[in-house]
PDB file of N, CA and C in Angstrom:
ATOM      1  N   MET A   1      27.352   8.709   8.747  1.00  0.00           N
ATOM      2  CA  MET A   1      27.208   9.047  10.185  1.00  0.00           C
ATOM      3  C   MET A   1      25.657   9.272  10.461  1.00  0.00           C
ATOM      4  N   PRO A   2      25.059   8.571  11.429  1.00  0.00           N
ATOM      5  CA  PRO A   2      23.610   8.903  11.588  1.00  0.00           C
ATOM      6  C   PRO A   2      23.326  10.195  12.155  1.00  0.00           C
ATOM      7  N   SER A   3      22.268  10.830  11.804  1.00  0.00           N
ATOM      8  CA  SER A   3      21.788  12.157  12.296  1.00  0.00           C
ATOM      9  C   SER A   3      21.242  11.921  13.740  1.00  0.00           C
ATOM     10  N   ASP A   4      20.873  13.129  14.336  1.00  0.00           N
ATOM     11  CA  ASP A   4      20.295  13.029  15.814  1.00  0.00           C
ATOM     12  C   ASP A   4      19.088  12.205  15.851  1.00  0.00           C
ATOM     13  N   CYS A   5      18.251  12.182  14.765  1.00  0.00           N
ATOM     14  CA  CYS A   5      17.012  11.555  14.838  1.00  0.00           C
ATOM     15  C   CYS A   5      17.075  10.043  14.445  1.00  0.00           C
ATOM     16  N   ASP A   6      18.235   9.606  13.843  1.00  0.00           N
ATOM     17  CA  ASP A   6      18.447   8.286  13.612  1.00  0.00           C
ATOM     18  C   ASP A   6      18.998   7.583  14.806  1.00  0.00           C
ATOM     19  N   GLU A   7      18.391   6.557  15.407  1.00  0.00           N
ATOM     20  CA  GLU A   7      18.763   5.978  16.478  1.00  0.00           C
ATOM     21  C   GLU A   7      19.163   4.484  16.129  1.00  0.00           C
ATOM     22  N   VAL A   8      20.540   4.071  16.551  1.00  0.00           N
ATOM     23  CA  VAL A   8      20.975   2.907  16.241  1.00  0.00           C
ATOM     24  C   VAL A   8      20.654   1.980  17.468  1.00  0.00           C
ATOM     25  N   VAL A   9      20.091   0.859  17.238  1.00  0.00           N
ATOM     26  CA  VAL A   9      19.668  -0.098  18.424  1.00  0.00           C
ATOM     27  C   VAL A   9      20.228  -1.408  18.110  1.00  0.00           C
ATOM     28  N   ASP A  10      21.132  -1.839  19.084  1.00  0.00           N
ATOM     29  CA  ASP A  10      21.545  -3.147  18.965  1.00  0.00           C
ATOM     30  C   ASP A  10      20.617  -4.215  19.300  1.00  0.00           C
ATOM     31  N   ARG A  11      20.332  -5.250  18.472  1.00  0.00           N
ATOM     32  CA  ARG A  11      19.253  -6.094  18.754  1.00  0.00           C
ATOM     33  C   ARG A  11      19.503  -6.890  20.071  1.00  0.00           C
ATOM     34  N   ARG A  12      20.857  -7.107  20.418  1.00  0.00           N
ATOM     35  CA  ARG A  12      21.026  -7.843  21.531  1.00  0.00           C
ATOM     36  C   ARG A  12      20.689  -7.261  22.874  1.00  0.00           C
ATOM     37  N   SER A  13      20.404  -5.875  22.810  1.00  0.00           N
ATOM     38  CA  SER A  13      19.995  -5.031  23.903  1.00  0.00           C
ATOM     39  C   SER A  13      18.622  -5.458  24.466  1.00  0.00           C
ATOM     40  N   GLY A  14      17.771  -6.070  23.588  1.00  0.00           N
ATOM     41  CA  GLY A  14      16.353  -6.420  24.055  1.00  0.00           C
ATOM     42  C   GLY A  14      15.449  -5.276  23.720  1.00  0.00           C
ATOM     43  N   ILE A  15      15.777  -4.182  23.255  1.00  0.00           N
ATOM     44  CA  ILE A  15      14.985  -2.985  22.849  1.00  0.00           C
ATOM     45  C   ILE A  15      14.442  -3.306  21.385  1.00  0.00           C
ATOM     46  N   ASP A  16      13.140  -3.290  21.208  1.00  0.00           N
ATOM     47  CA  ASP A  16      12.596  -3.591  19.799  1.00  0.00           C
ATOM     48  C   ASP A  16      12.598  -2.077  19.146  1.00  0.00           C
ATOM     49  N   ARG A  17      13.282  -2.005  17.973  1.00  0.00           N
ATOM     50  CA  ARG A  17      13.332  -0.793  17.415  1.00  0.00           C
ATOM     51  C   ARG A  17      12.029  -0.257  16.839  1.00  0.00           C
ATOM     52  N   ARG A  18      11.108  -1.260  16.700  1.00  0.00           N
ATOM     53  CA  ARG A  18       9.690  -0.783  16.176  1.00  0.00           C
ATOM     54  C   ARG A  18       8.938  -0.131  17.300  1.00  0.00           C
ATOM     55  N   ASP A  19       9.399  -0.283  18.536  1.00  0.00           N
ATOM     56  CA  ASP A  19       8.665   0.387  19.651  1.00  0.00           C
ATOM     57  C   ASP A  19       9.114   1.910  19.739  1.00  0.00           C
ATOM     58  N   LEU A  20      10.179   2.145  18.998  1.00  0.00           N
ATOM     59  CA  LEU A  20      10.707   3.617  19.088  1.00  0.00           C
ATOM     60  C   LEU A  20      10.018   4.533  18.127  1.00  0.00           C
ATOM     61  N   GLN A  21       9.291   3.987  17.059  1.00  0.00           N
ATOM     62  CA  GLN A  21       8.532   4.731  16.154  1.00  0.00           C
ATOM     63  C   GLN A  21       6.998   4.656  16.432  1.00  0.00           C
ATOM     64  N   ALA A  22       6.317   5.782  16.344  1.00  0.00           N
ATOM     65  CA  ALA A  22       4.874   5.853  16.578  1.00  0.00           C
ATOM     66  C   ALA A  22       4.166   5.702  15.230  1.00  0.00           C
ATOM     67  N   PRO A  23       3.593   4.365  15.024  1.00  0.00           N
ATOM     68  CA  PRO A  23       2.907   4.171  13.695  1.00  0.00           C
ATOM     69  C   PRO A  23       1.591   4.810  13.468  1.00  0.00           C
ATOM     70  N   SER A  24       1.243   5.214  12.266  1.00  0.00           N
ATOM     71  CA  SER A  24      -0.026   5.821  11.983  1.00  0.00           C
ATOM     72  C   SER A  24      -1.100   4.805  12.284  1.00  0.00           C
ATOM     73  N   LYS A  25      -2.295   5.226  12.900  1.00  0.00           N
ATOM     74  CA  LYS A  25      -3.277   4.318  13.378  1.00  0.00           C
ATOM     75  C   LYS A  25      -3.985   3.627  12.209  1.00  0.00           C
ATOM     76  N   ASP A  26      -4.218   4.524  11.150  1.00  0.00           N
ATOM     77  CA  ASP A  26      -5.016   3.886  10.011  1.00  0.00           C
ATOM     78  C   ASP A  26      -4.200   3.111   8.981  1.00  0.00           C
ATOM     79  N   LEU A  27      -2.930   3.354   8.879  1.00  0.00           N
ATOM     80  CA  LEU A  27      -2.047   2.813   7.912  1.00  0.00           C
ATOM     81  C   LEU A  27      -1.028   1.741   8.549  1.00  0.00           C
ATOM     82  N   ASP A  28      -1.205   1.411   9.862  1.00  0.00           N
ATOM     83  CA  ASP A  28      -0.331   0.369  10.269  1.00  0.00           C
ATOM     84  C   ASP A  28      -0.911  -0.969   9.917  1.00  0.00           C
ATOM     85  N   ARG A  29      -0.006  -1.848   9.156  1.00  0.00           N
ATOM     86  CA  ARG A  29      -0.292  -3.026   8.662  1.00  0.00           C
ATOM     87  C   ARG A  29      -0.196  -4.299   9.582  1.00  0.00           C
ATOM     88  N   ARG A  30       0.739  -4.013  10.680  1.00  0.00           N
ATOM     89  CA  ARG A  30       0.888  -5.128  11.674  1.00  0.00           C
ATOM     90  C   ARG A  30      -0.364  -5.310  12.390  1.00  0.00           C
ATOM     91  N   ARG A  31      -0.568  -6.605  12.719  1.00  0.00           N
ATOM     92  CA  ARG A  31      -1.730  -6.847  13.678  1.00  0.00           C
ATOM     93  C   ARG A  31      -1.375  -6.754  15.073  1.00  0.00           C
ATOM     94  N   GLY A  32      -2.274  -6.167  15.794  1.00  0.00           N
ATOM     95  CA  GLY A  32      -2.058  -6.028  17.278  1.00  0.00           C
ATOM     96  C   GLY A  32      -2.887  -7.160  17.980  1.00  0.00           C
ATOM     97  N   PRO A  33      -2.890  -7.138  19.315  1.00  0.00           N
ATOM     98  CA  PRO A  33      -3.586  -8.163  20.017  1.00  0.00           C
ATOM     99  C   PRO A  33      -5.124  -8.012  19.682  1.00  0.00           C
ATOM    100  N   GLY A  34      -5.765  -9.119  19.400  1.00  0.00           N
ATOM    101  CA  GLY A  34      -7.107  -9.158  19.258  1.00  0.00           C
ATOM    102  C   GLY A  34      -7.536  -8.740  17.815  1.00  0.00           C
ATOM    103  N   ARG A  35      -6.692  -8.442  16.854  1.00  0.00           N
ATOM    104  CA  ARG A  35      -7.114  -8.089  15.472  1.00  0.00           C
ATOM    105  C   ARG A  35      -6.887  -9.211  14.671  1.00  0.00           C
ATOM    106  N   ARG A  36      -7.914  -9.538  13.798  1.00  0.00           N
ATOM    107  CA  ARG A  36      -7.876 -10.674  12.880  1.00  0.00           C
ATOM    108  C   ARG A  36      -7.686 -10.207  11.574  1.00  0.00           C
ATOM    109  N   ARG A  37      -6.980 -11.001  10.730  1.00  0.00           N
ATOM    110  CA  ARG A  37      -6.747 -10.696   9.375  1.00  0.00           C
ATOM    111  C   ARG A  37      -8.115 -10.838   8.625  1.00  0.00           C
ATOM    112  N   SER A  38      -8.380 -10.087   7.649  1.00  0.00           N
ATOM    113  CA  SER A  38      -9.545 -10.306   6.758  1.00  0.00           C
ATOM    114  C   SER A  38      -9.180 -11.544   5.847  1.00  0.00           C
ATOM    115  N   ASP A  39     -10.250 -12.068   5.212  1.00  0.00           N
ATOM    116  CA  ASP A  39      -9.973 -13.181   4.213  1.00  0.00           C
ATOM    117  C   ASP A  39      -9.080 -12.733   3.163  1.00  0.00           C
ATOM    118  N   PHE A  40      -9.385 -11.503   2.836  1.00  0.00           N
ATOM    119  CA  PHE A  40      -8.536 -10.818   1.696  1.00  0.00           C
ATOM    120  C   PHE A  40      -7.092 -10.928   1.927  1.00  0.00           C
ATOM    121  N   LEU A  41      -6.696 -10.510   3.193  1.00  0.00           N
ATOM    122  CA  LEU A  41      -5.216 -10.400   3.602  1.00  0.00           C
ATOM    123  C   LEU A  41      -4.728 -11.938   3.871  1.00  0.00           C
ATOM    124  N   ARG A  42      -5.577 -12.741   4.456  1.00  0.00           N
ATOM    125  CA  ARG A  42      -5.137 -14.129   4.754  1.00  0.00           C
ATOM    126  C   ARG A  42      -4.808 -14.968   3.664  1.00  0.00           C
ATOM    127  N   ALA A  43      -5.693 -14.787   2.666  1.00  0.00           N
ATOM    128  CA  ALA A  43      -5.408 -15.525   1.407  1.00  0.00           C
ATOM    129  C   ALA A  43      -4.225 -15.100   0.671  1.00  0.00           C
ATOM    130  N   ALA A  44      -4.027 -13.753   0.652  1.00  0.00           N
ATOM    131  CA  ALA A  44      -2.844 -13.180  -0.061  1.00  0.00           C
ATOM    132  C   ALA A  44      -1.604 -13.625   0.598  1.00  0.00           C
ATOM    133  N   GLU A  45      -1.524 -13.662   1.960  1.00  0.00           N
ATOM    134  CA  GLU A  45      -0.410 -14.130   2.747  1.00  0.00           C
ATOM    135  C   GLU A  45      -0.036 -15.599   2.734  1.00  0.00           C
ATOM    136  N   GLU A  46      -1.154 -16.368   2.485  1.00  0.00           N
ATOM    137  CA  GLU A  46      -0.912 -17.784   2.419  1.00  0.00           C
ATOM    138  C   GLU A  46      -0.745 -18.251   0.980  1.00  0.00           C
ATOM    139  N   GLY A  47      -0.536 -17.156  -0.111  1.00  0.00           N
ATOM    140  CA  GLY A  47      -0.279 -17.483  -1.393  1.00  0.00           C
ATOM    141  C   GLY A  47      -1.523 -17.880  -2.227  1.00  0.00           C
ATOM    142  N   GLU A  48      -2.561 -17.712  -1.779  1.00  0.00           N
ATOM    143  CA  GLU A  48      -3.786 -17.967  -2.598  1.00  0.00           C
ATOM    144  C   GLU A  48      -4.452 -16.588  -2.990  1.00  0.00           C
ATOM    145  N   MET A  49      -4.081 -16.256  -4.183  1.00  0.00           N
ATOM    146  CA  MET A  49      -4.571 -14.860  -4.634  1.00  0.00           C
ATOM    147  C   MET A  49      -5.922 -14.936  -5.147  1.00  0.00           C
ATOM    148  N   THR A  50      -6.725 -13.901  -5.072  1.00  0.00           N
ATOM    149  CA  THR A  50      -7.924 -13.688  -5.633  1.00  0.00           C
ATOM    150  C   THR A  50      -7.661 -13.275  -7.133  1.00  0.00           C
ATOM    151  N   GLN A  51      -8.768 -13.451  -7.870  1.00  0.00           N
ATOM    152  CA  GLN A  51      -8.694 -13.086  -9.265  1.00  0.00           C
ATOM    153  C   GLN A  51      -8.142 -11.605  -9.409  1.00  0.00           C
ATOM    154  N   GLU A  52      -8.591 -10.732  -8.554  1.00  0.00           N
ATOM    155  CA  GLU A  52      -8.323  -9.361  -8.577  1.00  0.00           C
ATOM    156  C   GLU A  52      -6.831  -9.116  -8.210  1.00  0.00           C
ATOM    157  N   GLN A  53      -6.403  -9.735  -7.247  1.00  0.00           N
ATOM    158  CA  GLN A  53      -4.921  -9.790  -6.913  1.00  0.00           C
ATOM    159  C   GLN A  53      -3.985 -10.303  -7.996  1.00  0.00           C
ATOM    160  N   PHE A  54      -4.478 -11.386  -8.600  1.00  0.00           N
ATOM    161  CA  PHE A  54      -3.643 -11.952  -9.711  1.00  0.00           C
ATOM    162  C   PHE A  54      -3.632 -11.072 -10.890  1.00  0.00           C
ATOM    163  N   LEU A  55      -4.765 -10.477 -11.224  1.00  0.00           N
ATOM    164  CA  LEU A  55      -4.841  -9.410 -12.390  1.00  0.00           C
ATOM    165  C   LEU A  55      -3.924  -8.290 -12.188  1.00  0.00           C
ATOM    166  N   PHE A  56      -3.878  -7.815 -10.876  1.00  0.00           N
ATOM    167  CA  PHE A  56      -2.979  -6.682 -10.493  1.00  0.00           C
ATOM    168  C   PHE A  56      -1.568  -6.975 -10.664  1.00  0.00           C
ATOM    169  N   LEU A  57      -1.223  -8.203 -10.242  1.00  0.00           N
ATOM    170  CA  LEU A  57       0.166  -8.679 -10.295  1.00  0.00           C
ATOM    171  C   LEU A  57       0.514  -8.861 -11.778  1.00  0.00           C
ATOM    172  N   LEU A  58      -0.268  -9.418 -12.700  1.00  0.00           N
ATOM    173  CA  LEU A  58      -0.035  -9.554 -14.079  1.00  0.00           C
ATOM    174  C   LEU A  58       0.144  -8.202 -14.637  1.00  0.00           C
ATOM    175  N   ALA A  59      -0.672  -7.170 -14.300  1.00  0.00           N
ATOM    176  CA  ALA A  59      -0.574  -5.803 -14.920  1.00  0.00           C
ATOM    177  C   ALA A  59       0.619  -5.199 -14.524  1.00  0.00           C
ATOM    178  N   ILE A  60       1.193  -5.282 -13.175  1.00  0.00           N
ATOM    179  CA  ILE A  60       2.498  -4.672 -12.861  1.00  0.00           C
ATOM    180  C   ILE A  60       3.488  -5.277 -13.550  1.00  0.00           C
ATOM    181  N   ASN A  61       3.432  -6.610 -13.589  1.00  0.00           N
ATOM    182  CA  ASN A  61       4.592  -7.356 -14.321  1.00  0.00           C
ATOM    183  C   ASN A  61       4.638  -6.882 -15.901  1.00  0.00           C
ATOM    184  N   ALA A  62       3.492  -6.787 -16.467  1.00  0.00           N
ATOM    185  CA  ALA A  62       3.450  -6.208 -17.848  1.00  0.00           C
ATOM    186  C   ALA A  62       3.961  -4.769 -17.953  1.00  0.00           C
ATOM    187  N   PHE A  63       3.639  -3.992 -16.989  1.00  0.00           N
ATOM    188  CA  PHE A  63       4.168  -2.644 -16.976  1.00  0.00           C
ATOM    189  C   PHE A  63       5.640  -2.666 -16.821  1.00  0.00           C
ATOM    190  N   LYS A  64       6.121  -3.302 -16.001  1.00  0.00           N
ATOM    191  CA  LYS A  64       7.570  -3.359 -15.743  1.00  0.00           C
ATOM    192  C   LYS A  64       8.294  -3.916 -16.886  1.00  0.00           C
ATOM    193  N   GLU A  65       7.743  -4.892 -17.651  1.00  0.00           N
ATOM    194  CA  GLU A  65       8.465  -5.446 -18.749  1.00  0.00           C
ATOM    195  C   GLU A  65       8.345  -4.423 -20.005  1.00  0.00           C
ATOM    196  N   ALA A  66       7.240  -3.922 -20.087  1.00  0.00           N
ATOM    197  CA  ALA A  66       7.156  -2.916 -21.292  1.00  0.00           C
ATOM    198  C   ALA A  66       7.937  -1.650 -21.170  1.00  0.00           C
ATOM    199  N   ASN A  67       8.141  -1.212 -19.906  1.00  0.00           N
ATOM    200  CA  ASN A  67       8.842   0.100 -19.572  1.00  0.00           C
ATOM    201  C   ASN A  67      10.296  -0.251 -19.058  1.00  0.00           C
ATOM    202  N   GLY A  68      10.800  -1.358 -18.982  1.00  0.00           N
ATOM    203  CA  GLY A  68      12.196  -1.641 -18.526  1.00  0.00           C
ATOM    204  C   GLY A  68      12.351  -1.156 -17.167  1.00  0.00           C
ATOM    205  N   ARG A  69      11.376  -1.289 -16.168  1.00  0.00           N
ATOM    206  CA  ARG A  69      11.414  -0.933 -14.897  1.00  0.00           C
ATOM    207  C   ARG A  69      11.516  -2.165 -13.988  1.00  0.00           C
ATOM    208  N   THR A  70      12.412  -2.183 -13.003  1.00  0.00           N
ATOM    209  CA  THR A  70      12.401  -3.355 -12.024  1.00  0.00           C
ATOM    210  C   THR A  70      11.519  -2.767 -10.853  1.00  0.00           C
ATOM    211  N   PHE A  71      11.713  -1.617 -10.543  1.00  0.00           N
ATOM    212  CA  PHE A  71      10.777  -1.116  -9.314  1.00  0.00           C
ATOM    213  C   PHE A  71       9.993   0.152  -9.844  1.00  0.00           C
ATOM    214  N   PRO A  72       8.678  -0.066 -10.007  1.00  0.00           N
ATOM    215  CA  PRO A  72       7.957   0.994 -10.557  1.00  0.00           C
ATOM    216  C   PRO A  72       7.616   1.998  -9.438  1.00  0.00           C
ATOM    217  N   THR A  73       7.632   3.353  -9.797  1.00  0.00           N
ATOM    218  CA  THR A  73       7.172   4.321  -8.743  1.00  0.00           C
ATOM    219  C   THR A  73       5.729   4.246  -8.347  1.00  0.00           C
ATOM    220  N   TRP A  74       5.341   4.826  -7.264  1.00  0.00           N
ATOM    221  CA  TRP A  74       4.026   4.806  -6.866  1.00  0.00           C
ATOM    222  C   TRP A  74       3.109   5.571  -7.961  1.00  0.00           C
ATOM    223  N   THR A  75       3.585   6.532  -8.742  1.00  0.00           N
ATOM    224  CA  THR A  75       2.887   7.155  -9.809  1.00  0.00           C
ATOM    225  C   THR A  75       2.684   6.025 -10.759  1.00  0.00           C
ATOM    226  N   ASP A  76       3.691   5.175 -11.110  1.00  0.00           N
ATOM    227  CA  ASP A  76       3.553   4.102 -12.100  1.00  0.00           C
ATOM    228  C   ASP A  76       2.419   3.151 -11.712  1.00  0.00           C
ATOM    229  N   VAL A  77       2.353   2.796 -10.340  1.00  0.00           N
ATOM    230  CA  VAL A  77       1.424   1.827  -9.862  1.00  0.00           C
ATOM    231  C   VAL A  77       0.030   2.450  -9.966  1.00  0.00           C
ATOM    232  N   LEU A  78      -0.095   3.713  -9.670  1.00  0.00           N
ATOM    233  CA  LEU A  78      -1.418   4.438  -9.874  1.00  0.00           C
ATOM    234  C   LEU A  78      -1.872   4.357 -11.222  1.00  0.00           C
ATOM    235  N   GLU A  79      -0.919   4.512 -12.105  1.00  0.00           N
ATOM    236  CA  GLU A  79      -1.208   4.508 -13.696  1.00  0.00           C
ATOM    237  C   GLU A  79      -1.638   3.235 -13.987  1.00  0.00           C
ATOM    238  N   VAL A  80      -1.089   2.078 -13.601  1.00  0.00           N
ATOM    239  CA  VAL A  80      -1.466   0.757 -13.751  1.00  0.00           C
ATOM    240  C   VAL A  80      -2.925   0.460 -13.271  1.00  0.00           C
ATOM    241  N   VAL A  81      -3.217   0.906 -11.954  1.00  0.00           N
ATOM    242  CA  VAL A  81      -4.481   0.826 -11.325  1.00  0.00           C
ATOM    243  C   VAL A  81      -5.624   1.357 -12.104  1.00  0.00           C
ATOM    244  N   ARG A  82      -5.284   2.659 -12.624  1.00  0.00           N
ATOM    245  CA  ARG A  82      -6.360   3.338 -13.294  1.00  0.00           C
ATOM    246  C   ARG A  82      -6.549   2.726 -14.763  1.00  0.00           C
ATOM    247  N   LYS A  83      -5.547   2.291 -15.380  1.00  0.00           N
ATOM    248  CA  LYS A  83      -5.733   1.532 -16.634  1.00  0.00           C
ATOM    249  C   LYS A  83      -6.364   0.106 -16.417  1.00  0.00           C
ATOM    250  N   LEU A  84      -6.414  -0.407 -15.295  1.00  0.00           N
ATOM    251  CA  LEU A  84      -7.188  -1.431 -15.058  1.00  0.00           C
ATOM    252  C   LEU A  84      -8.664  -1.286 -14.830  1.00  0.00           C
ATOM    253  N   GLY A  85      -8.980   0.008 -14.748  1.00  0.00           N
ATOM    254  CA  GLY A  85     -10.448   0.426 -14.749  1.00  0.00           C
ATOM    255  C   GLY A  85     -10.797   0.935 -13.330  1.00  0.00           C
ATOM    256  N   TYR A  86      -9.922   1.014 -12.428  1.00  0.00           N
ATOM    257  CA  TYR A  86     -10.298   1.434 -11.095  1.00  0.00           C
ATOM    258  C   TYR A  86     -10.476   3.046 -11.118  1.00  0.00           C
ATOM    259  N   ARG A  87     -11.551   3.478 -10.352  1.00  0.00           N
ATOM    260  CA  ARG A  87     -11.910   4.891 -10.340  1.00  0.00           C
ATOM    261  C   ARG A  87     -12.280   5.170  -8.943  1.00  0.00           C
ATOM    262  N   LYS A  88     -12.096   6.326  -8.467  1.00  0.00           N
ATOM    263  CA  LYS A  88     -12.364   6.775  -7.041  1.00  0.00           C
ATOM    264  C   LYS A  88     -13.825   7.156  -6.966  1.00  0.00           C
ATOM    265  N   THR A  89     -14.728   6.315  -6.847  1.00  0.00           N
ATOM    266  CA  THR A  89     -16.252   6.594  -6.748  1.00  0.00           C
ATOM    267  C   THR A  89     -16.749   6.616  -5.416  1.00  0.00           C
ATOM    268  N   MET A  90     -15.903   6.332  -4.257  1.00  0.00           N
ATOM    269  CA  MET A  90     -16.601   6.389  -3.039  1.00  0.00           C
ATOM    270  C   MET A  90     -15.595   7.195  -2.152  1.00  0.00           C
ATOM    271  N   LYS A  91     -16.143   7.547  -1.047  1.00  0.00           N
ATOM    272  CA  LYS A  91     -15.251   8.400  -0.080  1.00  0.00           C
ATOM    273  C   LYS A  91     -14.284   7.450   0.512  1.00  0.00           C
ATOM    274  N   SER A  92     -13.113   7.971   0.950  1.00  0.00           N
ATOM    275  CA  SER A  92     -12.081   7.238   1.439  1.00  0.00           C
ATOM    276  C   SER A  92     -12.371   6.625   2.849  1.00  0.00           C
ATOM    277  N   GLU A  93     -12.001   5.377   3.040  1.00  0.00           N
ATOM    278  CA  GLU A  93     -12.174   4.643   4.354  1.00  0.00           C
ATOM    279  C   GLU A  93     -10.870   5.008   5.387  1.00  0.00           C
ATOM    280  N   LEU A  94      -9.950   5.712   4.807  1.00  0.00           N
ATOM    281  CA  LEU A  94      -8.747   6.065   5.490  1.00  0.00           C
ATOM    282  C   LEU A  94      -8.931   7.427   5.986  1.00  0.00           C
ATOM    283  N   ASP A  95      -8.385   7.615   7.317  1.00  0.00           N
ATOM    284  CA  ASP A  95      -8.332   9.017   7.816  1.00  0.00           C
ATOM    285  C   ASP A  95      -6.992   9.565   7.603  1.00  0.00           C
ATOM    286  N   LEU A  96      -6.799  10.454   6.586  1.00  0.00           N
ATOM    287  CA  LEU A  96      -5.574  10.964   6.406  1.00  0.00           C
ATOM    288  C   LEU A  96      -5.440  12.387   6.926  1.00  0.00           C
ATOM    289  N   GLY A  97      -6.393  12.706   7.900  1.00  0.00           N
ATOM    290  CA  GLY A  97      -6.290  13.982   8.543  1.00  0.00           C
ATOM    291  C   GLY A  97      -6.644  15.105   7.609  1.00  0.00           C
ATOM    292  N   SER A  98      -5.723  16.209   7.997  1.00  0.00           N
ATOM    293  CA  SER A  98      -5.937  17.530   6.977  1.00  0.00           C
ATOM    294  C   SER A  98      -5.022  17.589   5.981  1.00  0.00           C
ATOM    295  N   LYS A  99      -4.307  16.394   5.625  1.00  0.00           N
ATOM    296  CA  LYS A  99      -3.280  16.436   4.715  1.00  0.00           C
ATOM    297  C   LYS A  99      -3.842  16.524   3.244  1.00  0.00           C
ATOM    298  N   SER A 100      -5.105  16.097   2.967  1.00  0.00           N
ATOM    299  CA  SER A 100      -5.757  16.162   1.789  1.00  0.00           C
ATOM    300  C   SER A 100      -7.179  16.176   1.903  1.00  0.00           C
ATOM    301  N   SER A 101      -7.793  16.696   0.731  1.00  0.00           N
ATOM    302  CA  SER A 101      -9.147  16.612   0.850  1.00  0.00           C
ATOM    303  C   SER A 101      -9.725  15.419  -0.040  1.00  0.00           C
ATOM    304  N   ASP A 102     -10.731  14.777   0.391  1.00  0.00           N
ATOM    305  CA  ASP A 102     -11.362  13.652  -0.265  1.00  0.00           C
ATOM    306  C   ASP A 102     -12.132  13.989  -1.501  1.00  0.00           C
ATOM    307  N   TRP A 103     -12.263  13.295  -2.456  1.00  0.00           N
ATOM    308  CA  TRP A 103     -13.025  13.667  -3.626  1.00  0.00           C
ATOM    309  C   TRP A 103     -13.515  12.310  -4.198  1.00  0.00           C
ATOM    310  N   THR A 104     -14.446  12.386  -5.188  1.00  0.00           N
ATOM    311  CA  THR A 104     -14.941  11.193  -6.027  1.00  0.00           C
ATOM    312  C   THR A 104     -15.032  11.492  -7.333  1.00  0.00           C
ATOM    313  N   GLU A 105     -15.102  10.589  -8.252  1.00  0.00           N
ATOM    314  CA  GLU A 105     -15.299  10.795  -9.720  1.00  0.00           C
ATOM    315  C   GLU A 105     -16.410   9.821 -10.209  1.00  0.00           C
ATOM    316  N   GLU A 106     -16.967  10.162 -11.384  1.00  0.00           N
ATOM    317  CA  GLU A 106     -17.856   9.285 -12.004  1.00  0.00           C
ATOM    318  C   GLU A 106     -17.164   7.924 -12.448  1.00  0.00           C
ATOM    319  N   PRO A 107     -17.961   6.818 -12.356  1.00  0.00           N
ATOM    320  CA  PRO A 107     -17.383   5.498 -12.650  1.00  0.00           C
ATOM    321  C   PRO A 107     -16.758   5.371 -14.190  1.00  0.00           C
ATOM    322  N   ASN A 108     -17.424   6.172 -15.065  1.00  0.00           N
ATOM    323  CA  ASN A 108     -16.934   6.108 -16.486  1.00  0.00           C
ATOM    324  C   ASN A 108     -16.009   7.157 -16.799  1.00  0.00           C
ATOM    325  N   THR A 109     -15.331   7.851 -15.869  1.00  0.00           N
ATOM    326  CA  THR A 109     -14.300   8.790 -16.164  1.00  0.00           C
ATOM    327  C   THR A 109     -13.105   8.127 -16.828  1.00  0.00           C
ATOM    328  N   LEU A 110     -12.601   8.881 -17.842  1.00  0.00           N
ATOM    329  CA  LEU A 110     -11.422   8.341 -18.500  1.00  0.00           C
ATOM    330  C   LEU A 110     -10.192   8.184 -17.411  1.00  0.00           C
ATOM    331  N   SER A 111      -9.311   7.424 -17.741  1.00  0.00           N
ATOM    332  CA  SER A 111      -8.055   7.225 -16.787  1.00  0.00           C
ATOM    333  C   SER A 111      -7.322   8.348 -16.730  1.00  0.00           C
ATOM    334  N   GLY A 112      -7.181   9.227 -17.769  1.00  0.00           N
ATOM    335  CA  GLY A 112      -6.239  10.355 -17.652  1.00  0.00           C
ATOM    336  C   GLY A 112      -4.873  10.067 -17.743  1.00  0.00           C
ATOM    337  N   VAL A 113      -4.418   8.816 -18.103  1.00  0.00           N
ATOM    338  CA  VAL A 113      -2.958   8.440 -18.281  1.00  0.00           C
ATOM    339  C   VAL A 113      -2.717   7.837 -19.547  1.00  0.00           C
TER     340      VAL A 113
END
């Protein structure tokens, strides 16, 4: 049984359920009027991956196979990203509000995983 905050919307009513939720401005992936996709997103959506995207895909698949996981957790994904050599060396471009403080690390920092 749905709770009070879960609202069931019949698609035939003409109400778009996506309009019922207020998306986060910085993390909303849907394009609005006048927003263009970056070349990075356009290529990925059209099935033409960059070398970076392909390497990430291979690394995630290798992790899943080695660990017997069909669906890795976000912590697993972060582990793969760090093992690929990514480090947080710049300030974030996302506005996460007061939920967390931003930080950076040296490029040669060990992965810690």
